[in-house]
């Protein structure tokens, strides 16, 4: 029950009318009067109430909700796009990223304020506190590492970008919660926003591959292997992005939302994932599909998905993972493209130098590059957990382990749909975290998605509304007036109490 429905807990829950239907009971609310409710659906009291009630359209807020959905979609698209390298000029790229991300932070706050002004109050309170607490503790240790970092400029830039993304996610998720709380029955969903914003970006890359291949295609292994992404984005990161989009669209299929169009979008995302040549992203997408098959009750859908996987899997495994059976490439797969010797060098040679507090936030050595005797030089570890170990030491690693434990605990405590959706998004970003930047690495959109998840499980409706909040709802949402009305307002002065908030039934 929403806070707005707390006016009289003895009344039945609201009934949402169809367009043009006469609603018996309290004006503008879709509720019957207590007398009509007690008398039954076909009683004289109900009939009398029906004769006096105005017509209430079912789509009262549809225009507003469509506007908000469009704004959230554009904001998420622009925020994700701000992580890309759209120019080879470093200065231009940094300007685009800073202005783009700060602009989207401001935009997310404006949407949040727009929802409140239209007719909502921010009565949310913290939930699953330990997940958020340990993430803030991780950022706090990163901030403290400015005192001993091997490069203050790099550490500060990475820390501020990660913190800025967290603030963006805070207002974005709050907006979704306010919609859930004060617009019950709305169709705006996080997974749909993620799916469509990612799809729009992927379409740009697929089109760019044909129009300007020099920009959108990256050639690796001596120019023999073309991979979608170009200099704009690491192909492995782009593959992970496609995986998150697939995870989002699968839940649109589940709720039968534009089913065949959504299936076509999923097919294009799989095509893009194939073009990236990313093994880890392909594995992540397969796990997402298997997870979806496991939890759905639709037998026909299960058979269709399994049939599709059986058709495409042999080709994708042979060409993407086994690289067409090339013996040298298979050996490369076994060493995870040289990552294993690099990780071994980091732990055996780099970690003993700064084991407890590391080299500073997003620093893995005293110099810009770490190079062991048996591996290539690198600026990042290609593993988010080793990255934390190197830049914040064992202290940082312990913090992020506990943070993840409490995050997963919070996810499993959510309702079924929300839990399954969050776990599906976690699959590709977790697999990516073992081979690329990951959720605790240098600034990337994997961090954005992980922060969205943390905040999505860290807020909950507050069972209290202040007098000012009730007054705001009475002014902005006349359709909620009977529920936001303060009974104390009609009491004599001697009966008035002085608390600043009123209990709301749950």
Protein backbone atom coordinates (compact mmCIF):
# COMPACT_ATOMS: atom_id res chain seq x y z
CA UNK A 1 0.00 0.00 0.00
CA UNK A 2 1.30 3.46 -0.84
CA UNK A 3 1.54 6.29 1.69
CA UNK A 4 -1.31 7.93 -0.13
CA UNK A 5 -3.52 4.98 0.73
CA UNK A 6 -3.12 5.46 4.45
CA UNK A 7 -6.03 7.83 4.99
CA UNK A 8 -8.35 5.16 6.26
CA UNK A 9 -6.97 1.66 6.66
CA UNK A 10 -10.50 0.33 7.20
CA UNK A 11 -11.54 1.15 3.64
CA UNK A 12 -11.00 -1.46 0.92
CA UNK A 13 -7.99 -1.08 -1.41
CA UNK A 14 -8.53 1.29 -4.35
CA UNK A 15 -10.08 -0.04 -7.52
CA UNK A 16 -8.62 1.35 -10.72
CA UNK A 17 -11.49 2.13 -13.13
CA UNK A 18 -11.53 1.58 -16.83
CA UNK A 19 -11.78 4.62 -19.05
CA UNK A 20 -15.26 6.11 -18.93
CA UNK A 21 -16.42 3.94 -16.02
CA UNK A 22 -18.57 5.42 -13.27
CA UNK A 23 -16.78 5.03 -9.97
CA UNK A 24 -18.84 4.56 -6.80
CA UNK A 25 -17.69 6.20 -3.62
CA UNK A 26 -15.19 8.90 -2.81
CA UNK A 27 -14.85 11.46 -5.63
CA UNK A 28 -11.84 11.08 -7.90
CA UNK A 29 -10.42 8.06 -6.10
CA UNK A 30 -11.95 4.94 -7.54
CA UNK A 31 -13.15 3.92 -4.04
CA UNK A 32 -16.63 3.11 -2.89
CA UNK A 33 -18.13 4.74 0.11
CA UNK A 34 -18.07 2.54 3.22
CA UNK A 35 -21.84 2.11 2.95
CA UNK A 36 -21.73 1.01 -0.67
CA UNK A 37 -18.84 -1.35 0.01
CA UNK A 38 -20.63 -2.97 2.94
CA UNK A 39 -23.84 -3.37 0.96
CA UNK A 40 -22.17 -5.25 -1.90
CA UNK A 41 -21.50 -4.65 -5.59
CA UNK A 42 -25.15 -4.73 -6.71
CA UNK A 43 -26.81 -2.96 -3.81
CA UNK A 44 -29.01 0.15 -3.82
CA UNK A 45 -26.29 2.05 -1.97
CA UNK A 46 -23.82 1.21 -4.70
CA UNK A 47 -26.30 2.22 -7.39
CA UNK A 48 -26.96 5.55 -5.69
CA UNK A 49 -23.26 6.18 -5.41
CA UNK A 50 -22.75 5.31 -9.07
CA UNK A 51 -25.42 7.83 -10.09
CA UNK A 52 -23.60 10.66 -8.31
CA UNK A 53 -20.00 9.89 -9.20
CA UNK A 54 -18.13 11.66 -12.00
CA UNK A 55 -16.33 9.87 -14.79
CA UNK A 56 -12.66 9.13 -13.97
CA UNK A 57 -10.35 8.32 -16.90
CA UNK A 58 -7.93 5.44 -16.43
CA UNK A 59 -5.17 7.27 -18.26
CA UNK A 60 -5.17 10.29 -15.96
CA UNK A 61 -1.38 10.41 -15.76
CA UNK A 62 -0.48 8.66 -19.04
CA UNK A 63 0.98 11.75 -20.75
CA UNK A 64 3.13 12.56 -17.74
CA UNK A 65 4.35 8.97 -17.43
CA UNK A 66 5.21 8.78 -21.14
CA UNK A 67 7.22 11.98 -20.77
CA UNK A 68 9.10 10.64 -17.75
CA UNK A 69 9.79 7.33 -19.49
CA UNK A 70 11.22 9.15 -22.50
CA UNK A 71 13.37 11.40 -20.33
CA UNK A 72 14.76 8.49 -18.30
CA UNK A 73 15.55 6.62 -21.51
CA UNK A 74 17.41 9.58 -23.03
CA UNK A 75 19.28 10.25 -19.79
CA UNK A 76 20.43 6.63 -19.50
CA UNK A 77 21.47 6.58 -23.17
CA UNK A 78 23.51 9.76 -22.77
CA UNK A 79 25.05 8.59 -19.49
CA UNK A 80 26.25 5.32 -20.99
CA UNK A 81 27.49 7.12 -24.11
CA UNK A 82 29.55 9.44 -21.88
CA UNK A 83 31.81 6.49 -21.01
CA UNK A 84 32.93 6.09 -24.63
CA UNK A 85 36.00 7.63 -26.26
CA UNK A 86 34.37 9.63 -29.04
CA UNK A 87 37.57 11.46 -30.03
CA UNK A 88 41.21 10.40 -30.30
CA UNK A 89 42.13 13.73 -28.72
CA UNK A 90 42.45 13.08 -24.98
CA UNK A 91 41.51 16.64 -24.01
CA UNK A 92 38.32 16.56 -26.11
CA UNK A 93 37.41 13.14 -24.74
CA UNK A 94 37.79 14.31 -21.15
CA UNK A 95 35.68 17.41 -21.81
CA UNK A 96 32.93 15.27 -23.38
CA UNK A 97 33.01 12.83 -20.48
CA UNK A 98 33.00 15.45 -17.75
CA UNK A 99 30.31 17.64 -19.33
CA UNK A 100 28.25 14.63 -20.40
CA UNK A 101 28.26 12.90 -17.03
CA UNK A 102 27.72 16.05 -15.01
CA UNK A 103 24.95 17.05 -17.39
CA UNK A 104 23.21 13.70 -16.94
CA UNK A 105 23.60 13.95 -13.16
CA UNK A 106 21.81 17.30 -13.31
CA UNK A 107 19.19 15.84 -15.65
CA UNK A 108 18.48 12.90 -13.32
CA UNK A 109 17.99 15.35 -10.45
CA UNK A 110 15.64 17.49 -12.55
CA UNK A 111 13.50 14.46 -13.44
CA UNK A 112 13.38 13.50 -9.77
CA UNK A 113 12.21 17.04 -8.93
CA UNK A 114 9.69 16.98 -11.80
CA UNK A 115 8.03 13.87 -10.36
CA UNK A 116 7.82 15.46 -6.91
CA UNK A 117 6.34 18.68 -8.28
CA UNK A 118 3.77 16.75 -10.28
CA UNK A 119 2.52 14.86 -7.26
CA UNK A 120 4.85 12.78 -5.05
CA UNK A 121 6.88 13.16 -1.89
CA UNK A 122 10.27 11.70 -1.10
CA UNK A 123 9.34 9.56 1.88
CA UNK A 124 11.94 6.88 1.16
CA UNK A 125 14.24 5.56 3.85
CA UNK A 126 17.44 3.47 3.80
CA UNK A 127 17.16 -0.29 3.39
CA UNK A 128 19.82 -3.03 3.37
CA UNK A 129 22.14 -0.55 5.04
CA UNK A 130 25.26 -2.69 5.04
CA UNK A 131 25.48 -2.94 1.23
CA UNK A 132 25.54 0.85 0.95
CA UNK A 133 27.68 1.29 4.04
CA UNK A 134 30.49 -0.93 2.77
CA UNK A 135 30.39 0.73 -0.66
CA UNK A 136 30.78 4.13 0.97
CA UNK A 137 33.55 2.67 3.13
CA UNK A 138 35.29 1.51 -0.06
CA UNK A 139 35.04 5.03 -1.49
CA UNK A 140 36.19 6.45 1.85
CA UNK A 141 39.33 4.32 1.79
CA UNK A 142 39.89 5.40 -1.81
CA UNK A 143 39.64 9.03 -0.73
CA UNK A 144 42.06 8.43 2.13
CA UNK A 145 44.51 6.84 -0.33
CA UNK A 146 45.11 10.29 -1.80
CA UNK A 147 47.61 10.60 1.08
CA UNK A 148 49.85 7.80 -0.22
CA UNK A 149 48.89 7.31 -3.88
CA UNK A 150 51.65 7.05 -6.46
CA UNK A 151 49.79 9.53 -8.72
CA UNK A 152 47.35 11.92 -7.06
CA UNK A 153 45.92 13.23 -10.34
CA UNK A 154 44.92 9.79 -11.63
CA UNK A 155 43.51 8.64 -8.29
CA UNK A 156 41.52 11.84 -7.79
CA UNK A 157 40.04 11.77 -11.31
CA UNK A 158 38.98 8.13 -11.00
CA UNK A 159 37.53 8.65 -7.51
CA UNK A 160 35.48 11.70 -8.50
CA UNK A 161 34.12 10.00 -11.62
CA UNK A 162 33.05 6.94 -9.60
CA UNK A 163 31.45 9.14 -6.92
CA UNK A 164 29.68 11.27 -9.53
CA UNK A 165 28.18 8.14 -11.10
CA UNK A 166 26.91 7.06 -7.68
CA UNK A 167 25.09 10.39 -7.19
CA UNK A 168 23.55 10.06 -10.66
CA UNK A 169 22.29 6.57 -9.80
CA UNK A 170 20.89 7.85 -6.49
CA UNK A 171 18.48 10.28 -8.16
CA UNK A 172 17.74 7.92 -11.07
CA UNK A 173 16.68 5.10 -8.74
CA UNK A 174 14.76 7.47 -6.48
CA UNK A 175 12.75 8.56 -9.50
CA UNK A 176 11.80 4.95 -10.21
CA UNK A 177 10.80 4.41 -6.58
CA UNK A 178 8.59 7.51 -6.58
CA UNK A 179 6.83 6.22 -9.69
CA UNK A 180 6.23 2.87 -8.00
CA UNK A 181 4.93 4.56 -4.88
CA UNK A 182 2.60 7.19 -6.30
CA UNK A 183 1.69 5.86 -9.75
CA UNK A 184 0.73 2.22 -9.15
CA UNK A 185 0.20 0.30 -12.36
CA UNK A 186 2.70 2.32 -14.40
CA UNK A 187 4.75 0.40 -16.98
CA UNK A 188 8.14 2.10 -16.61
CA UNK A 189 10.77 -0.54 -15.84
CA UNK A 190 14.51 -0.31 -15.23
CA UNK A 191 15.24 -3.33 -17.42
CA UNK A 192 13.31 -1.78 -20.32
CA UNK A 193 15.20 1.51 -19.97
CA UNK A 194 18.55 -0.29 -19.91
CA UNK A 195 17.62 -2.55 -22.82
CA UNK A 196 16.45 0.24 -25.13
CA UNK A 197 19.25 2.68 -24.28
CA UNK A 198 21.87 -0.01 -24.87
CA UNK A 199 20.16 -1.12 -28.07
CA UNK A 200 20.33 2.44 -29.44
CA UNK A 201 24.08 2.57 -28.76
CA UNK A 202 24.67 -0.85 -30.32
CA UNK A 203 22.75 0.18 -33.46
CA UNK A 204 25.09 3.17 -33.79
CA UNK A 205 28.09 0.81 -33.74
CA UNK A 206 26.55 -1.64 -36.21
CA UNK A 207 25.72 1.21 -38.61
CA UNK A 208 29.14 2.78 -38.05
CA UNK A 209 30.81 -0.54 -38.90
CA UNK A 210 29.47 -0.21 -42.46
CA UNK A 211 29.72 3.56 -42.84
CA UNK A 212 33.10 4.17 -41.18
CA UNK A 213 34.88 0.87 -40.42
CA UNK A 214 38.19 2.57 -39.59
CA UNK A 215 36.52 4.18 -36.57
CA UNK A 216 34.16 1.44 -35.42
CA UNK A 217 36.28 -1.66 -36.11
CA UNK A 218 39.44 -2.58 -34.21
CA UNK A 219 41.89 -5.00 -35.84
CA UNK A 220 43.81 -7.24 -33.47
CA UNK A 221 46.36 -10.07 -33.81
CA UNK A 222 48.37 -8.39 -36.51
CA UNK A 223 45.33 -7.01 -38.30
CA UNK A 224 43.81 -10.44 -38.90
CA UNK A 225 40.82 -10.22 -36.54
CA UNK A 226 38.26 -7.38 -36.92
CA UNK A 227 36.34 -6.62 -33.72
CA UNK A 228 33.44 -4.23 -33.25
CA UNK A 229 34.34 -1.29 -31.01
CA UNK A 230 37.21 0.46 -32.76
CA UNK A 231 39.11 3.06 -30.78
CA UNK A 232 35.79 4.25 -29.31
CA UNK A 233 35.31 1.31 -26.95
CA UNK A 234 37.15 -1.82 -25.87
CA UNK A 235 35.38 -4.71 -27.70
CA UNK A 236 35.17 -6.72 -24.48
CA UNK A 237 33.42 -3.85 -22.72
CA UNK A 238 31.07 -3.38 -25.68
CA UNK A 239 30.26 -7.10 -25.55
CA UNK A 240 29.42 -6.82 -21.87
CA UNK A 241 27.13 -3.89 -22.67
CA UNK A 242 25.29 -6.01 -25.23
CA UNK A 243 24.92 -8.73 -22.57
CA UNK A 244 23.25 -6.31 -20.16
CA UNK A 245 20.89 -5.24 -22.95
CA UNK A 246 19.96 -8.88 -23.60
CA UNK A 247 19.28 -9.36 -19.88
CA UNK A 248 16.93 -6.37 -19.88
CA UNK A 249 15.01 -7.37 -23.01
CA UNK A 250 14.41 -10.92 -21.76
CA UNK A 251 12.18 -9.48 -19.05
CA UNK A 252 10.26 -7.49 -21.67
CA UNK A 253 9.65 -10.79 -23.45
CA UNK A 254 8.53 -12.32 -20.17
CA UNK A 255 5.87 -9.63 -19.63
CA UNK A 256 4.88 -9.91 -23.32
CA UNK A 257 5.87 -6.30 -24.05
CA UNK A 258 6.19 -5.84 -27.85
CA UNK A 259 7.23 -9.47 -27.93
CA UNK A 260 8.38 -9.98 -31.52
CA UNK A 261 10.04 -6.59 -31.80
CA UNK A 262 11.90 -7.30 -28.55
CA UNK A 263 13.03 -10.72 -29.83
CA UNK A 264 14.38 -9.02 -32.96
CA UNK A 265 16.28 -6.56 -30.77
CA UNK A 266 17.78 -9.45 -28.80
CA UNK A 267 18.90 -11.01 -32.09
CA UNK A 268 20.69 -7.80 -33.11
CA UNK A 269 22.40 -7.59 -29.71
CA UNK A 270 23.64 -11.17 -30.13
CA UNK A 271 24.92 -10.23 -33.59
CA UNK A 272 26.82 -7.28 -32.11
CA UNK A 273 28.18 -9.47 -29.34
CA UNK A 274 29.46 -11.90 -31.96
CA UNK A 275 31.13 -9.03 -33.85
CA UNK A 276 33.00 -7.92 -30.71
CA UNK A 277 34.72 -11.32 -30.54
CA UNK A 278 34.52 -11.17 -26.75
CA UNK A 279 34.71 -14.62 -25.18
CA UNK A 280 33.79 -13.48 -21.68
CA UNK A 281 30.76 -11.54 -22.95
CA UNK A 282 29.55 -14.52 -24.96
CA UNK A 283 29.84 -16.74 -21.89
CA UNK A 284 27.94 -14.13 -19.89
CA UNK A 285 25.13 -13.98 -22.46
CA UNK A 286 24.83 -17.76 -22.45
CA UNK A 287 24.56 -17.81 -18.67
CA UNK A 288 21.85 -15.16 -18.88
CA UNK A 289 19.85 -17.28 -21.32
CA UNK A 290 20.26 -20.43 -19.22
CA UNK A 291 19.26 -18.51 -16.09
CA UNK A 292 16.18 -17.19 -17.89
CA UNK A 293 15.22 -20.67 -19.11
CA UNK A 294 15.56 -22.02 -15.58
CA UNK A 295 13.24 -19.48 -13.97
CA UNK A 296 10.52 -19.11 -16.61
CA UNK A 297 7.37 -21.24 -16.50
CA UNK A 298 6.56 -20.78 -20.18
CA UNK A 299 7.26 -24.19 -21.75
CA UNK A 300 7.02 -22.93 -25.34
CA UNK A 301 9.43 -20.11 -24.59
CA UNK A 302 11.84 -22.54 -22.96
CA UNK A 303 11.79 -24.78 -26.03
CA UNK A 304 12.21 -21.81 -28.39
CA UNK A 305 15.20 -20.43 -26.48
CA UNK A 306 16.85 -23.83 -26.13
CA UNK A 307 16.34 -24.51 -29.84
CA UNK A 308 17.88 -21.16 -30.74
CA UNK A 309 20.87 -21.79 -28.48
CA UNK A 310 21.45 -25.24 -29.99
CA UNK A 311 21.50 -23.68 -33.46
CA UNK A 312 23.87 -20.79 -32.81
CA UNK A 313 26.10 -22.14 -30.06
CA UNK A 314 28.34 -24.45 -32.13
CA UNK A 315 29.12 -21.64 -34.56
CA UNK A 316 29.74 -19.01 -31.88
CA UNK A 317 31.89 -21.27 -29.69
CA UNK A 318 33.98 -22.40 -32.65
CA UNK A 319 34.53 -18.91 -34.06
CA UNK A 320 34.60 -16.73 -30.91
CA UNK A 321 35.99 -18.95 -28.15
CA UNK A 322 38.10 -21.48 -30.12
CA UNK A 323 38.93 -18.94 -32.87
CA UNK A 324 38.20 -21.39 -35.72
CA UNK A 325 40.43 -24.06 -34.19
CA UNK A 326 43.72 -22.17 -34.64
CA UNK A 327 46.23 -23.99 -32.38
CA UNK A 328 48.04 -20.81 -31.36
CA UNK A 329 44.78 -19.09 -30.55
CA UNK A 330 43.57 -22.04 -28.48
CA UNK A 331 46.78 -21.82 -26.45
CA UNK A 332 46.07 -18.11 -26.05
CA UNK A 333 42.63 -18.97 -24.66
CA UNK A 334 44.18 -21.30 -22.08
CA UNK A 335 46.35 -18.45 -20.78
CA UNK A 336 43.39 -16.03 -20.94
CA UNK A 337 45.22 -13.91 -23.52
CA UNK A 338 48.27 -13.57 -21.31
CA UNK A 339 46.31 -12.53 -18.22
CA UNK A 340 47.37 -15.48 -16.06
CA UNK A 341 51.12 -14.71 -16.13
CA UNK A 342 50.33 -11.01 -15.63
CA UNK A 343 48.22 -11.77 -12.53
CA UNK A 344 50.93 -14.04 -11.22
CA UNK A 345 53.49 -11.25 -11.60
CA UNK A 346 51.21 -8.74 -9.86
CA UNK A 347 50.71 -10.99 -6.83
CA UNK A 348 54.27 -12.29 -6.57
CA UNK A 349 56.19 -9.11 -7.40
CA UNK A 350 53.87 -6.10 -7.05
CA UNK A 351 51.72 -6.89 -4.03
CA UNK A 352 54.62 -7.45 -1.53
CA UNK A 353 55.68 -3.82 -2.04
CA UNK A 354 52.37 -2.38 -0.70
CA UNK A 355 50.35 -5.28 0.74
CA UNK A 356 48.07 -3.56 3.27
CA UNK A 357 46.90 -0.26 1.73
CA UNK A 358 48.06 -0.59 -1.87
CA UNK A 359 49.48 1.97 -4.28
CA UNK A 360 46.51 4.35 -4.16
CA UNK A 361 43.07 4.43 -5.75
CA UNK A 362 43.29 2.83 -9.25
CA UNK A 363 47.08 2.56 -9.10
CA UNK A 364 48.82 -0.81 -9.46
CA UNK A 365 52.47 0.26 -9.19
CA UNK A 366 54.70 3.21 -8.35
CA UNK A 367 54.89 3.87 -12.10
CA UNK A 368 52.12 4.16 -14.67
CA UNK A 369 52.77 0.61 -15.91
CA UNK A 370 53.43 -2.62 -14.10
CA UNK A 371 55.60 -5.18 -15.86
CA UNK A 372 56.90 -8.40 -14.41
CA UNK A 373 59.73 -10.52 -15.76
CA UNK A 374 57.30 -12.89 -17.48
CA UNK A 375 54.40 -10.75 -18.73
CA UNK A 376 53.40 -7.73 -20.78
CA UNK A 377 53.29 -4.20 -19.25
CA UNK A 378 49.86 -3.03 -18.14
CA UNK A 379 48.13 -0.03 -16.54
CA UNK A 380 45.23 -2.10 -15.18
CA UNK A 381 44.93 -5.65 -13.96
CA UNK A 382 42.10 -7.02 -16.15
CA UNK A 383 40.51 -8.34 -12.96
CA UNK A 384 38.51 -6.05 -10.69
CA UNK A 385 39.39 -7.96 -7.50
CA UNK A 386 43.13 -7.97 -8.17
CA UNK A 387 42.73 -4.29 -9.08
CA UNK A 388 41.34 -3.59 -5.60
CA UNK A 389 44.08 -5.69 -4.01
CA UNK A 390 46.77 -3.67 -5.79
CA UNK A 391 45.35 -0.17 -5.32
CA UNK A 392 43.86 -0.51 -1.80
CA UNK A 393 45.64 -3.59 -0.47
CA UNK A 394 44.17 -6.30 1.72
CA UNK A 395 42.16 -3.65 3.59
CA UNK A 396 40.31 -2.70 0.41
CA UNK A 397 39.81 -6.32 -0.66
CA UNK A 398 38.17 -7.24 2.66
CA UNK A 399 35.82 -4.24 2.33
CA UNK A 400 34.67 -5.11 -1.20
CA UNK A 401 34.16 -8.79 -0.31
CA UNK A 402 31.82 -7.82 2.52
CA UNK A 403 30.17 -5.23 0.28
CA UNK A 404 29.36 -7.88 -2.32
CA UNK A 405 28.12 -10.33 0.30
CA UNK A 406 25.60 -7.80 1.60
CA UNK A 407 24.64 -6.77 -1.95
CA UNK A 408 23.76 -10.33 -2.90
CA UNK A 409 21.97 -10.81 0.40
CA UNK A 410 19.88 -7.72 -0.36
CA UNK A 411 19.08 -8.96 -3.87
CA UNK A 412 17.86 -12.33 -2.62
CA UNK A 413 15.56 -10.58 -0.12
CA UNK A 414 13.67 -8.75 -2.87
CA UNK A 415 10.45 -9.93 -4.52
CA UNK A 416 10.74 -12.50 -7.28
CA UNK A 417 10.60 -10.25 -10.35
CA UNK A 418 13.03 -7.70 -8.95
CA UNK A 419 15.41 -10.40 -7.70
CA UNK A 420 15.53 -12.20 -11.04
CA UNK A 421 16.01 -8.93 -12.94
CA UNK A 422 18.90 -7.79 -10.74
CA UNK A 423 20.59 -11.20 -10.87
CA UNK A 424 20.33 -11.23 -14.68
CA UNK A 425 22.09 -7.86 -14.89
CA UNK A 426 24.71 -9.04 -12.40
CA UNK A 427 25.71 -12.03 -14.57
CA UNK A 428 27.44 -10.15 -17.43
CA UNK A 429 29.01 -7.47 -15.24
CA UNK A 430 30.38 -10.07 -12.79
CA UNK A 431 31.91 -12.19 -15.57
CA UNK A 432 33.37 -9.04 -17.10
CA UNK A 433 34.84 -8.17 -13.69
CA UNK A 434 37.07 -11.25 -13.82
CA UNK A 435 38.66 -10.28 -17.14
CA UNK A 436 38.31 -6.50 -17.61
CA UNK A 437 37.79 -3.27 -15.60
CA UNK A 438 34.81 -4.57 -13.68
CA UNK A 439 32.69 -3.17 -10.89
CA UNK A 440 35.62 -1.95 -8.78
CA UNK A 441 37.95 -0.99 -11.61
CA UNK A 442 38.65 2.21 -13.48
CA UNK A 443 35.58 4.25 -14.39
CA UNK A 444 33.34 2.28 -16.77
CA UNK A 445 29.65 1.56 -17.28
CA UNK A 446 29.97 -1.73 -15.40
CA UNK A 447 30.33 0.44 -12.28
CA UNK A 448 27.23 2.38 -13.34
CA UNK A 449 25.14 -0.81 -13.54
CA UNK A 450 26.48 -2.12 -10.24
CA UNK A 451 25.70 1.15 -8.46
CA UNK A 452 22.16 1.06 -9.87
CA UNK A 453 21.76 -2.41 -8.35
CA UNK A 454 23.14 -1.34 -4.97
CA UNK A 455 20.80 1.64 -4.75
CA UNK A 456 17.83 -0.35 -6.05
CA UNK A 457 18.06 -2.59 -2.97
CA UNK A 458 19.04 0.22 -0.58
CA UNK A 459 15.81 2.23 -0.50
CA UNK A 460 12.39 1.48 0.93
CA UNK A 461 9.15 3.39 1.47
CA UNK A 462 8.91 5.20 4.76
CA UNK A 463 5.85 4.35 6.89
CA UNK A 464 5.65 8.01 7.95
CA UNK A 465 4.55 11.15 6.13
CA UNK A 466 5.18 14.58 7.57
CA UNK A 467 2.45 17.20 7.70
CA UNK A 468 4.20 19.18 4.94
CA UNK A 469 4.35 16.10 2.74
CA UNK A 470 0.63 15.44 3.21
CA UNK A 471 -0.13 19.06 2.44
CA UNK A 472 1.95 18.85 -0.74
CA UNK A 473 0.01 15.80 -1.91
CA UNK A 474 -3.32 17.48 -1.14
CA UNK A 475 -2.33 20.37 -3.41
CA UNK A 476 -0.65 18.49 -6.26
CA UNK A 477 -2.72 15.31 -6.33
CA UNK A 478 -6.38 16.04 -5.67
CA UNK A 479 -7.15 12.46 -6.68
CA UNK A 480 -5.23 11.39 -3.56
CA UNK A 481 -6.78 13.95 -1.21
CA UNK A 482 -8.96 11.54 0.78
CA UNK A 483 -5.89 9.44 1.53
CA UNK A 484 -3.49 12.23 2.35
CA UNK A 485 -5.96 14.07 4.53
CA UNK A 486 -4.74 14.55 8.11
CA UNK A 487 -7.52 13.54 10.53
CA UNK A 488 -6.01 15.85 13.15
CA UNK A 489 -6.83 18.84 10.96
CA UNK A 490 -10.52 18.44 11.78
CA UNK A 491 -9.98 17.92 15.52
CA UNK A 492 -10.54 20.69 18.06
CA UNK A 493 -7.39 22.61 19.13
CA UNK A 494 -7.26 20.83 22.49
CA UNK A 495 -7.04 17.48 20.74
CA UNK A 496 -4.16 18.40 18.42
CA UNK A 497 -0.87 16.70 19.05
CA UNK A 498 2.53 18.07 18.11
CA UNK A 499 4.41 15.30 16.28
CA UNK A 500 5.96 16.20 12.93
CA UNK A 501 4.92 13.01 11.19
CA UNK A 502 1.96 10.68 11.06
CA UNK A 503 1.88 6.92 11.01
CA UNK A 504 1.02 5.40 7.66
CA UNK A 505 -0.42 1.91 7.54
CA UNK A 506 1.64 -0.63 5.63
